[in-house]
C-alpha cells in the first residue's frame, strides 16, 4: 500500500501503491491510500486529522492507537490537516502531499 513514507517538516514523501482489491477497496473503492501514526501533543484533549479539501469525511478524531488512513484523490491540491485542541485553544498544522509518488504496482 505504501513504501518509504516519511514526514520532514511539513512535507510528506514516499510511494503509494494503487489498491485494486481487498477490504479497503470494498469499503472505499480503488485508489491510493496512506496510513499514518500520529504523536499528539501531550496536553492535547482532542486531535483531529483529515484531508483538505476532503472527499467527504472532513476531520476525524484519532483512534486510541493514534492511527489514521486516508484515500488521496489529488496530491497536488490536497493537504493533510491536523488540529490539536487543549484548554479552549486550537493549534493547526498543514502537510504538503505533493512529494508523494503514485505507483500502479
Protein backbone atom coordinates (compact mmCIF):
# COMPACT_ATOMS: atom_id res chain seq x y z
CA UNK A 1 0.00 0.00 0.00
CA UNK A 2 2.86 2.40 0.78
CA UNK A 3 6.63 2.42 0.79
CA UNK A 4 9.20 4.76 2.28
CA UNK A 5 6.62 7.21 3.60
CA UNK A 6 8.13 9.84 5.87
CA UNK A 7 7.43 13.29 7.23
CA UNK A 8 10.05 16.01 7.21
CA UNK A 9 8.97 19.44 8.37
CA UNK A 10 5.59 19.98 6.73
CA UNK A 11 6.19 17.70 3.71
CA UNK A 12 5.19 14.04 3.32
CA UNK A 13 7.17 11.92 0.85
CA UNK A 14 7.21 8.28 -0.23
CA UNK A 15 5.39 6.00 -2.64
CA UNK A 16 1.73 4.98 -2.57
CA UNK A 17 0.73 1.85 -4.47
CA UNK A 18 -2.72 1.80 -6.08
CA UNK A 19 -5.06 -0.57 -4.28
CA UNK A 20 -7.35 -2.56 -6.58
CA UNK A 21 -8.59 -5.34 -4.28
CA UNK A 22 -9.10 -6.19 -0.63
CA UNK A 23 -11.24 -4.87 2.18
CA UNK A 24 -10.09 -1.27 1.79
CA UNK A 25 -11.25 -1.30 -1.86
CA UNK A 26 -14.56 -2.89 -0.85
CA UNK A 27 -15.06 -0.11 1.72
CA UNK A 28 -13.68 2.93 -0.14
CA UNK A 29 -13.14 1.96 -3.81
CA UNK A 30 -9.92 1.63 -5.79
CA UNK A 31 -7.24 4.24 -5.28
CA UNK A 32 -4.21 5.45 -3.36
CA UNK A 33 -4.21 5.28 0.43
CA UNK A 34 -1.85 6.48 3.12
CA UNK A 35 -1.77 5.24 6.69
CA UNK A 36 -0.08 7.37 9.32
CA UNK A 37 0.63 7.10 13.05
CA UNK A 38 0.47 10.41 14.88
CA UNK A 39 2.13 11.63 18.06
CA UNK A 40 -0.34 14.12 19.56
CA UNK A 41 0.79 16.91 21.87
CA UNK A 42 0.93 15.54 25.41
CA UNK A 43 -1.51 18.17 26.68
CA UNK A 44 -3.98 17.85 23.79
CA UNK A 45 -7.51 16.89 24.77
CA UNK A 46 -8.53 16.04 21.18
CA UNK A 47 -6.52 15.66 17.98
CA UNK A 48 -8.38 15.57 14.67
CA UNK A 49 -6.91 14.81 11.27
CA UNK A 50 -8.14 14.88 7.68
CA UNK A 51 -7.53 15.97 4.13
CA UNK A 52 -8.35 19.39 2.80
CA UNK A 53 -10.16 19.58 0.53
CA UNK A 54 -11.89 16.41 1.70
CA UNK A 55 -13.81 13.97 -0.44
CA UNK A 56 -16.33 13.55 2.35
CA UNK A 57 -15.29 12.74 5.91
CA UNK A 58 -13.63 16.01 6.89
CA UNK A 59 -11.65 15.92 10.12
CA UNK A 60 -11.88 12.83 12.32
CA UNK A 61 -10.57 12.14 15.82
CA UNK A 62 -7.62 9.78 16.06
CA UNK A 63 -8.33 6.23 17.17
CA UNK A 64 -6.91 5.04 20.55
CA UNK A 65 -3.67 3.95 18.82
CA UNK A 66 -3.29 7.38 17.10
CA UNK A 67 -3.64 5.83 13.64
CA UNK A 68 -5.48 7.22 10.65
CA UNK A 69 -5.88 6.22 7.00
CA UNK A 70 -6.77 8.48 4.09
CA UNK A 71 -7.73 7.96 0.46
CA UNK A 72 -5.92 10.54 -1.66
CA UNK A 73 -7.59 11.84 -4.80
CA UNK A 74 -5.34 14.77 -5.81
CA UNK A 75 -1.90 15.03 -4.21
CA UNK A 76 -1.19 18.38 -5.85
CA UNK A 77 -4.33 20.02 -4.41
CA UNK A 78 -4.92 18.14 -1.14
CA UNK A 79 -3.08 18.74 2.12
CA UNK A 80 -3.15 16.83 5.37
CA UNK A 81 -4.65 18.93 8.16
CA UNK A 82 -4.03 18.26 11.87
CA UNK A 83 -5.94 20.16 14.56
CA UNK A 84 -4.97 19.79 18.22
CA UNK A 85 -7.27 21.16 20.94
CA UNK A 86 -6.35 21.92 24.51
CA UNK A 87 -7.87 24.13 27.20
CA UNK A 88 -10.01 26.14 24.77
CA UNK A 89 -7.15 26.66 22.30
CA UNK A 90 -6.66 25.09 18.86
CA UNK A 91 -3.40 24.60 17.01
CA UNK A 92 -3.47 23.71 13.29
CA UNK A 93 -0.79 22.24 11.01
CA UNK A 94 -0.89 21.55 7.27
CA UNK A 95 1.29 18.99 5.48
CA UNK A 96 2.15 19.05 1.77
CA UNK A 97 1.39 15.78 -0.09
CA UNK A 98 2.91 16.76 -3.45
CA UNK A 99 6.14 14.90 -2.60
CA UNK A 100 4.33 11.54 -2.77
CA UNK A 101 4.76 9.30 -5.80
CA UNK A 102 1.74 7.33 -7.05
CA UNK A 103 2.51 3.88 -8.47
CA UNK A 104 0.28 1.34 -10.18
CA UNK A 105 2.38 -1.58 -8.85
